[in-house]
Amino acid sequence: MNPKNSFTEEDMKAFEPAEKIGIVASISPQGFAHITLITSIRANGPARLTLGEFCKGLSKQHIQNNPQIGFLVLTLDKKMWRGKAKWTHLRKEGPEYEKYNQIPMFRYNTYFGINTVHYLDLIETAGKEKLPMARIIPAALLTKLAKGGAKSGNQDPILKPFAEKLFNKLDSLKFIAYVGNDGFPVIIPLIQCQAADSRRLAFSPLAFSKELKDIPKGTEVAVFGITMNMEDVLVRGIFQGFHRIRFLRLGTIDIGWVYNSMPPAHGQIYPEVELKPVVNF
């Protein structure tokens, strides 16, 4: 990839439809990558991005505390853009605010409209990439074949059956993120990733091999999974490196944290958070 510091007209046009996958990786106060689905991401000029906020999750807090983000846009024709950007400010009015709320998805939404627009300066982009399905499909099949040998051996579950099933769907999308040496989150498609069991994820490095092998062993990574029905889950865990399992090379991640990022009730699932009574109404 040859990084650039501006979008082309083609790039900006590709970002316009609401019907796309938009992924933003921010950095938590603990210094770990956090991944959020933000389909409202748009190129607001050759060197600027905007995010339309319609519900409050952790990512909007994170980017104001640490403005360095990674982004990925995947269009319906399997074209992809990735890059880095820096949050600068937000507005609750103005031409971008009006433009967002004219989009049918938000204009006719009974419950959610865009209430805040976040502005980011583009740092770099790799330009248009094509999703390498000729490598992703074999990688998913190899992962399915070998993941049984990567089980953690721990019977105390972490992932709920819903989340484990989501990761094991061969047609669900998954993405991994970690904080790079320059302090910006790095996002890599990881569609081949599957659950070896409820405590461990496994994946073949056949697709995006070079980028995956650049992740240092022992790194805290985030993995986001989403289905075509817009069901999703976010996990974090320790990347354990690559090992030969059942004669095949697999990377594994030991899960330590699970988060429900689906609106309207965002929240941590594991470790379980103690329920507290409501005392103020």
C-alpha atoms as a PDB file:
ATOM      1  CA  MET A   1       0.000   0.000   0.000  1.00  0.00           C
ATOM      2  CA  ASN A   2       1.159   3.538  -0.794  1.00  0.00           C
ATOM      3  CA  PRO A   3      -0.422   5.868   1.780  1.00  0.00           C
ATOM      4  CA  LYS A   4      -1.853   9.177   0.573  1.00  0.00           C
ATOM      5  CA  ASN A   5      -3.031  12.202   2.517  1.00  0.00           C
ATOM      6  CA  SER A   6      -6.139  13.029   0.487  1.00  0.00           C
ATOM      7  CA  PHE A   7      -9.228  11.403  -0.997  1.00  0.00           C
ATOM      8  CA  THR A   8      -9.989  11.362  -4.705  1.00  0.00           C
ATOM      9  CA  GLU A   9     -13.381  12.317  -6.141  1.00  0.00           C
ATOM     10  CA  GLU A  10     -14.070   8.589  -6.579  1.00  0.00           C
ATOM     11  CA  ASP A  11     -13.263   7.946  -2.904  1.00  0.00           C
ATOM     12  CA  MET A  12     -15.565  10.722  -1.695  1.00  0.00           C
ATOM     13  CA  LYS A  13     -18.432   9.524  -3.883  1.00  0.00           C
ATOM     14  CA  ALA A  14     -18.011   5.934  -2.622  1.00  0.00           C
ATOM     15  CA  PHE A  15     -18.419   7.140   0.984  1.00  0.00           C
ATOM     16  CA  GLU A  16     -21.774   8.847   0.330  1.00  0.00           C
ATOM     17  CA  PRO A  17     -24.272   5.934   0.486  1.00  0.00           C
ATOM     18  CA  ALA A  18     -25.685   5.063   3.902  1.00  0.00           C
ATOM     19  CA  GLU A  19     -25.741   1.419   2.774  1.00  0.00           C
ATOM     20  CA  LYS A  20     -22.141   0.508   3.562  1.00  0.00           C
ATOM     21  CA  ILE A  21     -20.019  -0.848   6.391  1.00  0.00           C
ATOM     22  CA  GLY A  22     -18.193   1.903   8.252  1.00  0.00           C
ATOM     23  CA  ILE A  23     -15.760   0.848  10.980  1.00  0.00           C
ATOM     24  CA  VAL A  24     -14.036   3.260  13.365  1.00  0.00           C
ATOM     25  CA  ALA A  25     -11.312   2.133  15.760  1.00  0.00           C
ATOM     26  CA  SER A  26     -10.707   4.434  18.710  1.00  0.00           C
ATOM     27  CA  ILE A  27      -8.494   4.090  21.791  1.00  0.00           C
ATOM     28  CA  SER A  28      -9.899   3.400  25.258  1.00  0.00           C
ATOM     29  CA  PRO A  29      -8.623   5.226  28.372  1.00  0.00           C
ATOM     30  CA  GLN A  30      -6.632   2.046  29.141  1.00  0.00           C
ATOM     31  CA  GLY A  31      -4.850   2.382  25.785  1.00  0.00           C
ATOM     32  CA  PHE A  32      -6.624  -0.489  24.003  1.00  0.00           C
ATOM     33  CA  ALA A  33      -8.296  -0.493  20.584  1.00  0.00           C
ATOM     34  CA  HIS A  34     -12.099  -0.196  20.520  1.00  0.00           C
ATOM     35  CA  ILE A  35     -14.110  -0.900  17.345  1.00  0.00           C
ATOM     36  CA  THR A  36     -17.476   0.638  16.463  1.00  0.00           C
ATOM     37  CA  LEU A  37     -19.820   0.342  13.493  1.00  0.00           C
ATOM     38  CA  ILE A  38     -20.450   3.897  12.216  1.00  0.00           C
ATOM     39  CA  THR A  39     -22.142   3.724   8.811  1.00  0.00           C
ATOM     40  CA  SER A  40     -22.534   7.519   8.798  1.00  0.00           C
ATOM     41  CA  ILE A  41     -18.813   8.022   8.120  1.00  0.00           C
ATOM     42  CA  ARG A  42     -18.380  10.304   5.088  1.00  0.00           C
ATOM     43  CA  ALA A  43     -15.602  12.156   3.294  1.00  0.00           C
ATOM     44  CA  ASN A  44     -16.387  15.837   3.725  1.00  0.00           C
ATOM     45  CA  GLY A  45     -13.693  16.988   1.312  1.00  0.00           C
ATOM     46  CA  PRO A  46     -10.321  15.655   0.130  1.00  0.00           C
ATOM     47  CA  ALA A  47      -8.773  15.787   3.604  1.00  0.00           C
ATOM     48  CA  ARG A  48     -11.674  15.644   6.061  1.00  0.00           C
ATOM     49  CA  LEU A  49     -14.071  13.036   7.432  1.00  0.00           C
ATOM     50  CA  THR A  50     -17.325  13.432   9.326  1.00  0.00           C
ATOM     51  CA  LEU A  51     -19.174  11.040  11.619  1.00  0.00           C
ATOM     52  CA  GLY A  52     -22.865  11.458  12.306  1.00  0.00           C
ATOM     53  CA  GLU A  53     -23.798  10.551  15.891  1.00  0.00           C
ATOM     54  CA  PHE A  54     -27.303   9.205  16.519  1.00  0.00           C
ATOM     55  CA  CYS A  55     -26.740   7.185  19.698  1.00  0.00           C
ATOM     56  CA  LYS A  56     -24.206   7.455  22.495  1.00  0.00           C
ATOM     57  CA  GLY A  57     -21.597   4.714  22.784  1.00  0.00           C
ATOM     58  CA  LEU A  58     -18.067   4.488  24.118  1.00  0.00           C
ATOM     59  CA  SER A  59     -16.413   5.434  20.820  1.00  0.00           C
ATOM     60  CA  LYS A  60     -17.640   9.055  20.892  1.00  0.00           C
ATOM     61  CA  GLN A  61     -16.135   9.466  24.370  1.00  0.00           C
ATOM     62  CA  HIS A  62     -12.900   7.792  23.325  1.00  0.00           C
ATOM     63  CA  ILE A  63     -12.242   9.978  20.286  1.00  0.00           C
ATOM     64  CA  GLN A  64     -12.674  13.152  22.337  1.00  0.00           C
ATOM     65  CA  ASN A  65     -10.213  11.879  24.960  1.00  0.00           C
ATOM     66  CA  ASN A  66      -7.754  10.537  22.379  1.00  0.00           C
ATOM     67  CA  PRO A  67      -8.381  12.003  18.890  1.00  0.00           C
ATOM     68  CA  GLN A  68      -6.350   9.410  16.949  1.00  0.00           C
ATOM     69  CA  ILE A  69      -8.537   6.904  15.098  1.00  0.00           C
ATOM     70  CA  GLY A  70      -8.374   4.265  12.387  1.00  0.00           C
ATOM     71  CA  PHE A  71     -11.191   3.826   9.875  1.00  0.00           C
ATOM     72  CA  LEU A  72     -12.405   1.314   7.311  1.00  0.00           C
ATOM     73  CA  VAL A  73     -15.176   1.710   4.740  1.00  0.00           C
ATOM     74  CA  LEU A  74     -16.495  -1.333   2.876  1.00  0.00           C
ATOM     75  CA  THR A  75     -19.002  -0.783   0.073  1.00  0.00           C
ATOM     76  CA  LEU A  76     -21.584  -3.250  -1.241  1.00  0.00           C
ATOM     77  CA  ASP A  77     -19.382  -4.092  -4.245  1.00  0.00           C
ATOM     78  CA  LYS A  78     -16.595  -5.285  -1.879  1.00  0.00           C
ATOM     79  CA  LYS A  79     -14.371  -2.222  -2.386  1.00  0.00           C
ATOM     80  CA  MET A  80     -12.564  -1.048   0.733  1.00  0.00           C
ATOM     81  CA  TRP A  81     -10.839   2.077   2.030  1.00  0.00           C
ATOM     82  CA  ARG A  82      -8.692   2.227   5.166  1.00  0.00           C
ATOM     83  CA  GLY A  83      -6.729   4.962   6.867  1.00  0.00           C
ATOM     84  CA  LYS A  84      -6.011   7.144   9.879  1.00  0.00           C
ATOM     85  CA  ALA A  85      -7.613  10.375  10.979  1.00  0.00           C
ATOM     86  CA  LYS A  86      -7.615  12.817  13.892  1.00  0.00           C
ATOM     87  CA  TRP A  87     -10.739  14.162  15.599  1.00  0.00           C
ATOM     88  CA  THR A  88     -10.829  17.974  15.773  1.00  0.00           C
ATOM     89  CA  HIS A  89     -14.269  19.124  16.956  1.00  0.00           C
ATOM     90  CA  LEU A  90     -18.021  18.530  16.962  1.00  0.00           C
ATOM     91  CA  ARG A  91     -21.069  20.559  16.010  1.00  0.00           C
ATOM     92  CA  LYS A  92     -24.801  20.218  16.678  1.00  0.00           C
ATOM     93  CA  GLU A  93     -25.834  22.401  13.762  1.00  0.00           C
ATOM     94  CA  GLY A  94     -24.575  23.558  10.390  1.00  0.00           C
ATOM     95  CA  PRO A  95     -24.629  22.357   6.762  1.00  0.00           C
ATOM     96  CA  GLU A  96     -23.232  18.874   7.506  1.00  0.00           C
ATOM     97  CA  TYR A  97     -25.789  18.410  10.290  1.00  0.00           C
ATOM     98  CA  GLU A  98     -28.587  19.380   7.891  1.00  0.00           C
ATOM     99  CA  LYS A  99     -27.232  17.122   5.138  1.00  0.00           C
ATOM    100  CA  TYR A 100     -27.077  14.096   7.440  1.00  0.00           C
ATOM    101  CA  ASN A 101     -30.634  14.576   8.583  1.00  0.00           C
ATOM    102  CA  GLN A 102     -31.876  14.696   4.989  1.00  0.00           C
ATOM    103  CA  ILE A 103     -30.607  11.141   4.387  1.00  0.00           C
ATOM    104  CA  PRO A 104     -33.701   8.862   4.336  1.00  0.00           C
ATOM    105  CA  MET A 105     -32.192   6.487   6.918  1.00  0.00           C
ATOM    106  CA  PHE A 106     -32.160   9.300   9.497  1.00  0.00           C
ATOM    107  CA  ARG A 107     -34.861  11.629   8.175  1.00  0.00           C
ATOM    108  CA  TYR A 108     -37.589   8.976   8.459  1.00  0.00           C
ATOM    109  CA  ASN A 109     -36.263   7.189  11.527  1.00  0.00           C
ATOM    110  CA  THR A 110     -38.839   7.457  14.298  1.00  0.00           C
ATOM    111  CA  TYR A 111     -36.325   6.892  17.090  1.00  0.00           C
ATOM    112  CA  PHE A 112     -32.922   8.146  15.935  1.00  0.00           C
ATOM    113  CA  GLY A 113     -31.806  11.190  13.995  1.00  0.00           C
ATOM    114  CA  ILE A 114     -28.308  12.611  13.762  1.00  0.00           C
ATOM    115  CA  ASN A 115     -27.838  14.847  16.806  1.00  0.00           C
ATOM    116  CA  THR A 116     -24.104  15.614  16.561  1.00  0.00           C
ATOM    117  CA  VAL A 117     -21.535  15.766  13.760  1.00  0.00           C
ATOM    118  CA  HIS A 118     -17.903  14.925  14.534  1.00  0.00           C
ATOM    119  CA  TYR A 119     -15.147  16.337  12.303  1.00  0.00           C
ATOM    120  CA  LEU A 120     -11.817  14.644  11.661  1.00  0.00           C
ATOM    121  CA  ASP A 121      -8.736  15.573   9.648  1.00  0.00           C
ATOM    122  CA  LEU A 122      -7.448  12.837   7.356  1.00  0.00           C
ATOM    123  CA  ILE A 123      -3.895  11.765   8.241  1.00  0.00           C
ATOM    124  CA  GLU A 124      -3.456   9.081   5.597  1.00  0.00           C
ATOM    125  CA  THR A 125      -5.396   6.633   3.453  1.00  0.00           C
ATOM    126  CA  ALA A 126      -4.346   3.577   1.483  1.00  0.00           C
ATOM    127  CA  GLY A 127      -6.843   4.363  -1.263  1.00  0.00           C
ATOM    128  CA  LYS A 128      -9.225   1.876  -2.811  1.00  0.00           C
ATOM    129  CA  GLU A 129      -8.561  -1.817  -2.153  1.00  0.00           C
ATOM    130  CA  LYS A 130     -10.445  -4.874  -3.314  1.00  0.00           C
ATOM    131  CA  LEU A 131     -11.519  -7.408  -0.708  1.00  0.00           C
ATOM    132  CA  PRO A 132      -9.479 -10.535  -1.614  1.00  0.00           C
ATOM    133  CA  MET A 133     -12.273 -13.114  -1.565  1.00  0.00           C
ATOM    134  CA  ALA A 134     -10.049 -15.677  -3.355  1.00  0.00           C
ATOM    135  CA  ARG A 135      -7.953 -15.790  -0.162  1.00  0.00           C
ATOM    136  CA  ILE A 136     -10.656 -15.092   2.414  1.00  0.00           C
ATOM    137  CA  ILE A 137     -12.860 -18.066   1.462  1.00  0.00           C
ATOM    138  CA  PRO A 138     -10.047 -20.688   1.685  1.00  0.00           C
ATOM    139  CA  ALA A 139      -8.835 -19.037   4.907  1.00  0.00           C
ATOM    140  CA  ALA A 140     -12.313 -19.414   6.436  1.00  0.00           C
ATOM    141  CA  LEU A 141     -12.512 -23.073   5.390  1.00  0.00           C
ATOM    142  CA  LEU A 142      -9.031 -23.828   6.771  1.00  0.00           C
ATOM    143  CA  THR A 143      -9.961 -22.122  10.045  1.00  0.00           C
ATOM    144  CA  LYS A 144     -13.140 -24.204  10.311  1.00  0.00           C
ATOM    145  CA  LEU A 145     -11.127 -27.365   9.663  1.00  0.00           C
ATOM    146  CA  ALA A 146      -8.441 -26.703  12.277  1.00  0.00           C
ATOM    147  CA  LYS A 147     -10.108 -24.608  15.002  1.00  0.00           C
ATOM    148  CA  GLY A 148     -11.172 -27.676  17.028  1.00  0.00           C
ATOM    149  CA  GLY A 149      -7.528 -28.228  17.869  1.00  0.00           C
ATOM    150  CA  ALA A 150      -7.248 -24.659  19.195  1.00  0.00           C
ATOM    151  CA  LYS A 151      -9.805 -24.988  22.014  1.00  0.00           C
ATOM    152  CA  SER A 152      -8.810 -23.389  25.303  1.00  0.00           C
ATOM    153  CA  GLY A 153      -9.710 -26.420  27.411  1.00  0.00           C
ATOM    154  CA  ASN A 154     -11.458 -24.160  29.928  1.00  0.00           C
ATOM    155  CA  GLN A 155     -15.136 -25.083  30.454  1.00  0.00           C
ATOM    156  CA  ASP A 156     -16.026 -21.752  32.124  1.00  0.00           C
ATOM    157  CA  PRO A 157     -17.736 -19.851  29.239  1.00  0.00           C
ATOM    158  CA  ILE A 158     -17.136 -16.239  28.261  1.00  0.00           C
ATOM    159  CA  LEU A 159     -18.974 -15.770  24.955  1.00  0.00           C
ATOM    160  CA  LYS A 160     -22.736 -16.231  25.088  1.00  0.00           C
ATOM    161  CA  PRO A 161     -24.117 -18.797  22.588  1.00  0.00           C
ATOM    162  CA  PHE A 162     -25.405 -15.907  20.439  1.00  0.00           C
ATOM    163  CA  ALA A 163     -21.926 -14.366  20.134  1.00  0.00           C
ATOM    164  CA  GLU A 164     -20.192 -17.695  19.561  1.00  0.00           C
ATOM    165  CA  LYS A 165     -22.666 -18.493  16.772  1.00  0.00           C
ATOM    166  CA  LEU A 166     -22.140 -15.023  15.256  1.00  0.00           C
ATOM    167  CA  PHE A 167     -18.368 -15.548  15.022  1.00  0.00           C
ATOM    168  CA  ASN A 168     -18.858 -18.988  13.496  1.00  0.00           C
ATOM    169  CA  LYS A 169     -21.087 -17.795  10.658  1.00  0.00           C
ATOM    170  CA  LEU A 170     -18.965 -18.006   7.524  1.00  0.00           C
ATOM    171  CA  ASP A 171     -20.816 -15.049   5.984  1.00  0.00           C
ATOM    172  CA  SER A 172     -20.450 -12.694   8.964  1.00  0.00           C
ATOM    173  CA  LEU A 173     -17.866  -9.933   8.763  1.00  0.00           C
ATOM    174  CA  LYS A 174     -15.084  -9.624  11.314  1.00  0.00           C
ATOM    175  CA  PHE A 175     -12.388  -7.009  11.827  1.00  0.00           C
ATOM    176  CA  ILE A 176      -9.368  -6.903  14.145  1.00  0.00           C
ATOM    177  CA  ALA A 177      -7.766  -3.732  15.505  1.00  0.00           C
ATOM    178  CA  TYR A 178      -4.777  -2.895  17.672  1.00  0.00           C
ATOM    179  CA  VAL A 179      -2.818   0.247  18.512  1.00  0.00           C
ATOM    180  CA  GLY A 180       0.172   0.609  16.196  1.00  0.00           C
ATOM    181  CA  ASN A 181       3.614   1.957  17.020  1.00  0.00           C
ATOM    182  CA  ASP A 182       2.612   5.446  15.838  1.00  0.00           C
ATOM    183  CA  GLY A 183      -0.260   5.595  18.338  1.00  0.00           C
ATOM    184  CA  PHE A 184      -3.024   5.165  15.730  1.00  0.00           C
ATOM    185  CA  PRO A 185      -5.315   2.114  15.685  1.00  0.00           C
ATOM    186  CA  VAL A 186      -4.750  -0.318  12.803  1.00  0.00           C
ATOM    187  CA  ILE A 187      -7.774  -2.157  11.326  1.00  0.00           C
ATOM    188  CA  ILE A 188      -7.457  -5.420   9.385  1.00  0.00           C
ATOM    189  CA  PRO A 189     -10.352  -7.414   7.890  1.00  0.00           C
ATOM    190  CA  LEU A 190     -10.500 -10.808   9.633  1.00  0.00           C
ATOM    191  CA  ILE A 191     -13.521 -12.423   7.994  1.00  0.00           C
ATOM    192  CA  GLN A 192     -11.999 -15.897   8.396  1.00  0.00           C
ATOM    193  CA  CYS A 193     -11.949 -15.573  12.215  1.00  0.00           C
ATOM    194  CA  GLN A 194     -14.093 -18.088  14.153  1.00  0.00           C
ATOM    195  CA  ALA A 195     -14.651 -19.177  17.738  1.00  0.00           C
ATOM    196  CA  ALA A 196     -12.610 -22.243  18.722  1.00  0.00           C
ATOM    197  CA  ASP A 197     -14.753 -22.232  21.858  1.00  0.00           C
ATOM    198  CA  SER A 198     -16.394 -19.587  24.051  1.00  0.00           C
ATOM    199  CA  ARG A 199     -13.015 -18.335  25.348  1.00  0.00           C
ATOM    200  CA  ARG A 200     -10.805 -18.320  22.247  1.00  0.00           C
ATOM    201  CA  LEU A 201     -10.904 -17.050  18.656  1.00  0.00           C
ATOM    202  CA  ALA A 202      -8.863 -18.645  15.872  1.00  0.00           C
ATOM    203  CA  PHE A 203      -8.002 -17.640  12.314  1.00  0.00           C
ATOM    204  CA  SER A 204      -5.889 -18.680   9.350  1.00  0.00           C
ATOM    205  CA  PRO A 205      -3.395 -16.027   8.164  1.00  0.00           C
ATOM    206  CA  LEU A 206      -3.957 -16.940   4.505  1.00  0.00           C
ATOM    207  CA  ALA A 207      -5.808 -13.640   3.917  1.00  0.00           C
ATOM    208  CA  PHE A 208      -4.027 -10.381   4.896  1.00  0.00           C
ATOM    209  CA  SER A 209      -1.053 -12.516   5.914  1.00  0.00           C
ATOM    210  CA  LYS A 210       1.623  -9.796   6.049  1.00  0.00           C
ATOM    211  CA  GLU A 211      -0.494  -7.402   8.115  1.00  0.00           C
ATOM    212  CA  LEU A 212      -1.585 -10.089  10.571  1.00  0.00           C
ATOM    213  CA  LYS A 213       1.993 -11.253  11.086  1.00  0.00           C
ATOM    214  CA  ASP A 214       2.952  -7.675  11.994  1.00  0.00           C
ATOM    215  CA  ILE A 215       0.800  -7.883  15.158  1.00  0.00           C
ATOM    216  CA  PRO A 216       3.205  -8.537  18.059  1.00  0.00           C
ATOM    217  CA  LYS A 217       2.468 -11.617  20.136  1.00  0.00           C
ATOM    218  CA  GLY A 218       0.978 -10.606  23.486  1.00  0.00           C
ATOM    219  CA  THR A 219      -0.807  -7.532  22.068  1.00  0.00           C
ATOM    220  CA  GLU A 220      -4.251  -6.629  23.387  1.00  0.00           C
ATOM    221  CA  VAL A 221      -6.484  -6.651  20.301  1.00  0.00           C
ATOM    222  CA  ALA A 222     -10.145  -5.954  19.595  1.00  0.00           C
ATOM    223  CA  VAL A 223     -12.249  -8.105  17.252  1.00  0.00           C
ATOM    224  CA  PHE A 224     -15.615  -6.901  15.972  1.00  0.00           C
ATOM    225  CA  GLY A 225     -18.125  -9.293  14.385  1.00  0.00           C
ATOM    226  CA  ILE A 226     -21.248  -8.300  12.476  1.00  0.00           C
ATOM    227  CA  THR A 227     -23.870 -10.209  10.470  1.00  0.00           C
ATOM    228  CA  MET A 228     -25.835  -9.088   7.418  1.00  0.00           C
ATOM    229  CA  ASN A 229     -28.765  -8.515   9.817  1.00  0.00           C
ATOM    230  CA  MET A 230     -26.677  -5.871  11.619  1.00  0.00           C
ATOM    231  CA  GLU A 231     -26.270  -8.034  14.727  1.00  0.00           C
ATOM    232  CA  ASP A 232     -22.844  -7.423  16.206  1.00  0.00           C
ATOM    233  CA  VAL A 233     -20.520  -8.022  19.139  1.00  0.00           C
ATOM    234  CA  LEU A 234     -17.114  -6.697  20.189  1.00  0.00           C
ATOM    235  CA  VAL A 235     -14.476  -8.643  22.101  1.00  0.00           C
ATOM    236  CA  ARG A 236     -10.979  -7.861  23.336  1.00  0.00           C
ATOM    237  CA  GLY A 237      -8.263 -10.301  24.191  1.00  0.00           C
ATOM    238  CA  ILE A 238      -4.593 -11.210  23.988  1.00  0.00           C
ATOM    239  CA  PHE A 239      -3.162 -12.253  20.643  1.00  0.00           C
ATOM    240  CA  GLN A 240      -1.230 -15.462  21.288  1.00  0.00           C
ATOM    241  CA  GLY A 241       0.662 -15.517  17.991  1.00  0.00           C
ATOM    242  CA  PHE A 242       0.605 -18.227  15.331  1.00  0.00           C
ATOM    243  CA  HIS A 243       0.958 -21.954  15.948  1.00  0.00           C
ATOM    244  CA  ARG A 244       0.702 -25.103  13.852  1.00  0.00           C
ATOM    245  CA  ILE A 245      -2.572 -26.817  14.730  1.00  0.00           C
ATOM    246  CA  ARG A 246      -3.735 -29.950  12.903  1.00  0.00           C
ATOM    247  CA  PHE A 247      -0.987 -29.354  10.316  1.00  0.00           C
ATOM    248  CA  LEU A 248      -2.321 -25.857   9.629  1.00  0.00           C
ATOM    249  CA  ARG A 249      -1.085 -22.480  10.848  1.00  0.00           C
ATOM    250  CA  LEU A 250      -3.589 -20.597  13.019  1.00  0.00           C
ATOM    251  CA  GLY A 251      -3.514 -17.393  15.015  1.00  0.00           C
ATOM    252  CA  THR A 252      -5.389 -17.399  18.328  1.00  0.00           C
ATOM    253  CA  ILE A 253      -6.837 -14.748  20.634  1.00  0.00           C
ATOM    254  CA  ASP A 254      -7.742 -15.446  24.260  1.00  0.00           C
ATOM    255  CA  ILE A 255     -10.877 -13.442  25.064  1.00  0.00           C
ATOM    256  CA  GLY A 256     -10.950 -11.331  28.222  1.00  0.00           C
ATOM    257  CA  TRP A 257     -13.656  -8.729  27.569  1.00  0.00           C
ATOM    258  CA  VAL A 258     -16.992  -8.692  25.715  1.00  0.00           C
ATOM    259  CA  TYR A 259     -19.110  -5.653  24.832  1.00  0.00           C
ATOM    260  CA  ASN A 260     -22.586  -5.288  23.326  1.00  0.00           C
ATOM    261  CA  SER A 261     -22.361  -2.429  20.850  1.00  0.00           C
ATOM    262  CA  MET A 262     -25.910  -2.749  19.490  1.00  0.00           C
ATOM    263  CA  PRO A 263     -28.252   0.161  20.281  1.00  0.00           C
ATOM    264  CA  PRO A 264     -30.122   1.113  22.287  1.00  0.00           C
ATOM    265  CA  ALA A 265     -28.458  -0.653  25.267  1.00  0.00           C
ATOM    266  CA  HIS A 266     -24.686  -0.539  24.824  1.00  0.00           C
ATOM    267  CA  GLY A 267     -22.788  -2.177  27.640  1.00  0.00           C
ATOM    268  CA  GLN A 268     -20.142  -4.526  28.925  1.00  0.00           C
ATOM    269  CA  ILE A 269     -21.159  -8.190  29.000  1.00  0.00           C
ATOM    270  CA  TYR A 270     -17.980  -9.805  30.324  1.00  0.00           C
ATOM    271  CA  PRO A 271     -16.602  -9.481  32.944  1.00  0.00           C
ATOM    272  CA  GLU A 272     -20.146  -9.211  34.217  1.00  0.00           C
ATOM    273  CA  VAL A 273     -21.076  -5.828  35.674  1.00  0.00           C
ATOM    274  CA  GLU A 274     -22.961  -5.834  38.947  1.00  0.00           C
ATOM    275  CA  LEU A 275     -26.529  -4.586  38.620  1.00  0.00           C
ATOM    276  CA  LYS A 276     -27.250  -1.468  40.666  1.00  0.00           C
ATOM    277  CA  PRO A 277     -30.706  -0.257  41.701  1.00  0.00           C
ATOM    278  CA  VAL A 278     -32.024   2.984  40.205  1.00  0.00           C
ATOM    279  CA  VAL A 279     -32.461   5.481  43.031  1.00  0.00           C
ATOM    280  CA  ASN A 280     -32.827   8.739  41.092  1.00  0.00           C
ATOM    281  CA  PHE A 281     -35.711   9.171  38.653  1.00  0.00           C
END
